[in-house]
N, C-alpha and C. Protein backbone atom coordinates (compact mmCIF):
# COMPACT_ATOMS: atom_id res chain seq x y z
N MET A 1 233.47 -127.42 -22.15
CA MET A 1 232.05 -127.54 -22.41
C MET A 1 231.54 -126.27 -23.07
N LYS A 2 230.48 -126.41 -23.84
CA LYS A 2 229.93 -125.27 -24.55
C LYS A 2 229.44 -124.21 -23.57
N GLY A 3 229.77 -122.95 -23.85
CA GLY A 3 229.35 -121.87 -23.00
C GLY A 3 230.30 -121.56 -21.85
N GLU A 4 231.24 -122.45 -21.58
CA GLU A 4 232.21 -122.22 -20.51
C GLU A 4 233.36 -121.39 -21.04
N GLU A 5 233.75 -120.40 -20.28
CA GLU A 5 234.87 -119.56 -20.67
C GLU A 5 236.15 -120.10 -20.03
N THR A 6 237.18 -120.25 -20.85
CA THR A 6 238.45 -120.73 -20.31
C THR A 6 239.30 -119.53 -19.92
N SER A 7 240.07 -119.67 -18.88
CA SER A 7 240.94 -118.60 -18.42
C SER A 7 242.18 -118.54 -19.30
N LYS A 8 242.56 -117.33 -19.64
CA LYS A 8 243.80 -117.15 -20.38
C LYS A 8 244.95 -117.11 -19.40
N ILE A 9 246.11 -117.50 -19.89
CA ILE A 9 247.34 -117.48 -19.09
C ILE A 9 248.38 -116.68 -19.86
N CYS A 10 249.08 -115.79 -19.16
CA CYS A 10 250.11 -114.97 -19.78
C CYS A 10 251.26 -115.87 -20.25
N ASN A 11 251.63 -115.72 -21.52
CA ASN A 11 252.72 -116.51 -22.07
C ASN A 11 254.07 -116.16 -21.46
N MET A 12 254.24 -114.94 -20.97
CA MET A 12 255.54 -114.54 -20.41
C MET A 12 255.73 -114.98 -18.97
N CYS A 13 254.76 -114.68 -18.11
CA CYS A 13 254.97 -114.92 -16.68
C CYS A 13 254.16 -116.09 -16.13
N GLY A 14 253.19 -116.58 -16.90
CA GLY A 14 252.40 -117.72 -16.46
C GLY A 14 251.20 -117.37 -15.59
N LYS A 15 250.97 -116.09 -15.37
CA LYS A 15 249.85 -115.63 -14.53
C LYS A 15 248.52 -115.93 -15.20
N THR A 16 247.55 -116.41 -14.42
CA THR A 16 246.18 -116.53 -14.91
C THR A 16 245.59 -115.13 -14.98
N PHE A 17 244.96 -114.82 -16.10
CA PHE A 17 244.41 -113.48 -16.29
C PHE A 17 243.40 -113.14 -15.21
N ASP A 18 243.48 -111.88 -14.72
CA ASP A 18 242.47 -111.37 -13.81
C ASP A 18 241.50 -110.51 -14.61
N ILE A 19 240.61 -109.83 -13.94
CA ILE A 19 239.59 -109.04 -14.63
C ILE A 19 240.20 -107.96 -15.51
N TRP A 20 241.29 -107.33 -15.06
CA TRP A 20 241.93 -106.26 -15.84
C TRP A 20 242.62 -106.82 -17.08
N ASP A 21 243.29 -107.95 -16.91
CA ASP A 21 243.97 -108.57 -18.05
C ASP A 21 242.95 -108.99 -19.11
N ASN A 22 241.83 -109.57 -18.67
CA ASN A 22 240.77 -109.96 -19.61
C ASN A 22 240.16 -108.76 -20.30
N GLN A 23 239.99 -107.68 -19.56
CA GLN A 23 239.40 -106.47 -20.14
C GLN A 23 240.31 -105.88 -21.21
N GLU A 24 241.60 -105.81 -20.93
CA GLU A 24 242.54 -105.23 -21.90
C GLU A 24 242.82 -106.18 -23.06
N ASN A 25 242.87 -107.46 -22.79
CA ASN A 25 243.01 -108.49 -23.83
C ASN A 25 244.20 -108.23 -24.75
N PHE A 26 245.38 -108.14 -24.18
CA PHE A 26 246.60 -107.95 -24.97
C PHE A 26 246.99 -109.28 -25.61
N SER A 27 246.41 -109.55 -26.77
CA SER A 27 246.64 -110.80 -27.48
C SER A 27 247.12 -110.52 -28.89
N PHE A 28 247.94 -111.40 -29.39
CA PHE A 28 248.46 -111.30 -30.75
C PHE A 28 248.42 -112.70 -31.34
N ASP A 29 247.77 -112.83 -32.48
CA ASP A 29 247.64 -114.13 -33.14
C ASP A 29 247.92 -113.90 -34.62
N HIS A 30 248.99 -114.50 -35.12
CA HIS A 30 249.39 -114.22 -36.50
C HIS A 30 250.01 -115.45 -37.15
N CYS A 31 249.58 -115.73 -38.37
CA CYS A 31 250.20 -116.78 -39.18
C CYS A 31 251.31 -116.11 -40.00
N ILE A 32 252.51 -116.62 -39.84
CA ILE A 32 253.68 -116.00 -40.44
C ILE A 32 253.91 -116.57 -41.84
N GLY A 33 253.96 -115.68 -42.81
CA GLY A 33 254.21 -116.10 -44.18
C GLY A 33 255.71 -116.21 -44.44
N TYR A 34 256.13 -115.69 -45.57
CA TYR A 34 257.53 -115.77 -45.95
C TYR A 34 258.25 -114.47 -45.65
N GLY A 35 259.56 -114.54 -45.50
CA GLY A 35 260.38 -113.36 -45.26
C GLY A 35 260.86 -113.26 -43.83
N SER A 36 260.61 -114.29 -43.06
CA SER A 36 261.01 -114.32 -41.65
C SER A 36 261.76 -115.62 -41.39
N THR A 37 262.50 -115.65 -40.32
CA THR A 37 263.13 -116.92 -39.93
C THR A 37 262.10 -117.88 -39.36
N HIS A 38 260.87 -117.42 -39.21
CA HIS A 38 259.78 -118.24 -38.66
C HIS A 38 258.70 -118.52 -39.71
N ASP A 39 259.13 -118.60 -40.98
CA ASP A 39 258.19 -118.86 -42.08
C ASP A 39 257.28 -120.04 -41.77
N LEU A 40 256.00 -119.87 -42.10
CA LEU A 40 254.97 -120.91 -42.03
C LEU A 40 254.72 -121.43 -40.62
N HIS A 41 254.95 -120.58 -39.63
CA HIS A 41 254.58 -120.89 -38.26
C HIS A 41 253.46 -119.95 -37.84
N ARG A 42 252.84 -120.26 -36.74
CA ARG A 42 251.81 -119.39 -36.16
C ARG A 42 252.28 -118.97 -34.77
N ILE A 43 252.09 -117.69 -34.47
CA ILE A 43 252.42 -117.20 -33.13
C ILE A 43 251.14 -116.68 -32.50
N LYS A 44 250.89 -117.13 -31.29
CA LYS A 44 249.73 -116.70 -30.52
C LYS A 44 250.23 -116.36 -29.13
N ILE A 45 250.15 -115.08 -28.78
CA ILE A 45 250.67 -114.60 -27.50
C ILE A 45 249.57 -113.88 -26.74
N ASP A 46 249.40 -114.25 -25.49
CA ASP A 46 248.51 -113.55 -24.57
C ASP A 46 249.39 -112.98 -23.47
N LEU A 47 249.25 -111.67 -23.21
CA LEU A 47 250.06 -111.01 -22.19
C LEU A 47 249.18 -110.36 -21.14
N CYS A 48 249.57 -110.52 -19.87
CA CYS A 48 248.91 -109.79 -18.80
C CYS A 48 249.34 -108.32 -18.91
N CYS A 49 248.67 -107.45 -18.16
CA CYS A 49 248.97 -106.02 -18.24
C CYS A 49 250.43 -105.71 -17.90
N GLN A 50 250.96 -106.37 -16.88
CA GLN A 50 252.34 -106.09 -16.46
C GLN A 50 253.34 -106.52 -17.54
N CYS A 51 253.14 -107.68 -18.13
CA CYS A 51 254.07 -108.14 -19.16
C CYS A 51 253.92 -107.33 -20.44
N PHE A 52 252.71 -106.89 -20.75
CA PHE A 52 252.52 -106.01 -21.90
C PHE A 52 253.36 -104.75 -21.72
N ASP A 53 253.31 -104.16 -20.51
CA ASP A 53 254.12 -102.97 -20.24
C ASP A 53 255.60 -103.26 -20.43
N LYS A 54 256.07 -104.41 -19.98
CA LYS A 54 257.48 -104.78 -20.13
C LYS A 54 257.86 -104.87 -21.61
N VAL A 55 257.00 -105.49 -22.41
CA VAL A 55 257.27 -105.63 -23.85
C VAL A 55 257.30 -104.26 -24.52
N VAL A 56 256.32 -103.43 -24.22
CA VAL A 56 256.26 -102.10 -24.83
C VAL A 56 257.46 -101.25 -24.39
N ASP A 57 257.80 -101.33 -23.11
CA ASP A 57 258.96 -100.57 -22.62
C ASP A 57 260.26 -101.03 -23.27
N TRP A 58 260.33 -102.29 -23.67
CA TRP A 58 261.52 -102.82 -24.36
C TRP A 58 261.53 -102.41 -25.83
N ILE A 59 260.36 -102.47 -26.48
CA ILE A 59 260.34 -102.28 -27.93
C ILE A 59 260.33 -100.80 -28.35
N LEU A 60 259.71 -99.93 -27.57
CA LEU A 60 259.62 -98.51 -27.97
C LEU A 60 260.97 -97.87 -28.25
N PRO A 61 261.98 -98.04 -27.40
CA PRO A 61 263.26 -97.40 -27.69
C PRO A 61 263.93 -97.93 -28.97
N GLN A 62 263.50 -99.09 -29.44
CA GLN A 62 264.10 -99.66 -30.65
C GLN A 62 263.41 -99.20 -31.93
N CYS A 63 262.28 -98.53 -31.80
CA CYS A 63 261.50 -98.10 -32.97
C CYS A 63 262.04 -96.79 -33.54
N LYS A 64 262.23 -96.77 -34.84
CA LYS A 64 262.65 -95.54 -35.52
C LYS A 64 261.48 -94.57 -35.65
N HIS A 65 260.26 -95.11 -35.73
CA HIS A 65 259.03 -94.31 -35.79
C HIS A 65 258.16 -94.73 -34.62
N ASN A 66 257.84 -93.80 -33.76
CA ASN A 66 257.10 -94.10 -32.54
C ASN A 66 255.69 -94.61 -32.86
N PRO A 67 255.38 -95.84 -32.47
CA PRO A 67 254.06 -96.40 -32.74
C PRO A 67 253.03 -96.00 -31.67
N MET A 68 253.45 -95.28 -30.64
CA MET A 68 252.57 -94.93 -29.53
C MET A 68 251.91 -93.58 -29.80
N SER A 69 250.63 -93.47 -29.47
CA SER A 69 249.92 -92.20 -29.56
C SER A 69 248.91 -92.13 -28.43
N GLU A 70 248.42 -90.95 -28.19
CA GLU A 70 247.40 -90.76 -27.15
C GLU A 70 246.08 -91.36 -27.63
N TYR A 71 245.36 -91.95 -26.71
CA TYR A 71 244.05 -92.53 -27.03
C TYR A 71 243.05 -91.38 -27.13
N PRO A 72 242.31 -91.31 -28.24
CA PRO A 72 241.35 -90.21 -28.39
C PRO A 72 240.20 -90.36 -27.39
N THR A 73 239.97 -89.34 -26.60
CA THR A 73 238.90 -89.40 -25.61
C THR A 73 237.70 -88.54 -26.00
N ASN A 74 237.82 -87.79 -27.09
CA ASN A 74 236.74 -86.92 -27.51
C ASN A 74 235.96 -87.48 -28.70
N GLY A 75 236.15 -88.76 -29.01
CA GLY A 75 235.41 -89.39 -30.10
C GLY A 75 235.94 -89.13 -31.48
N LYS A 76 237.10 -88.48 -31.59
CA LYS A 76 237.67 -88.21 -32.92
C LYS A 76 238.74 -89.20 -33.26
């Protein structure tokens, strides 16, 4: 119904999002073009905080260039 918010569910573990998961909103939605084995598909992933940590902990060691940085807290 209009105005009703639907609960997100983590694609990895199946958990219904809690307040922290909704606040962080670890979501990825991408239409895949050419150059992948998944050409012309769409991927939409919602991850709870715990599963996001698992994914990041898995992917960081595989990166040649570290995509992680400190979050600026001084407005810069």
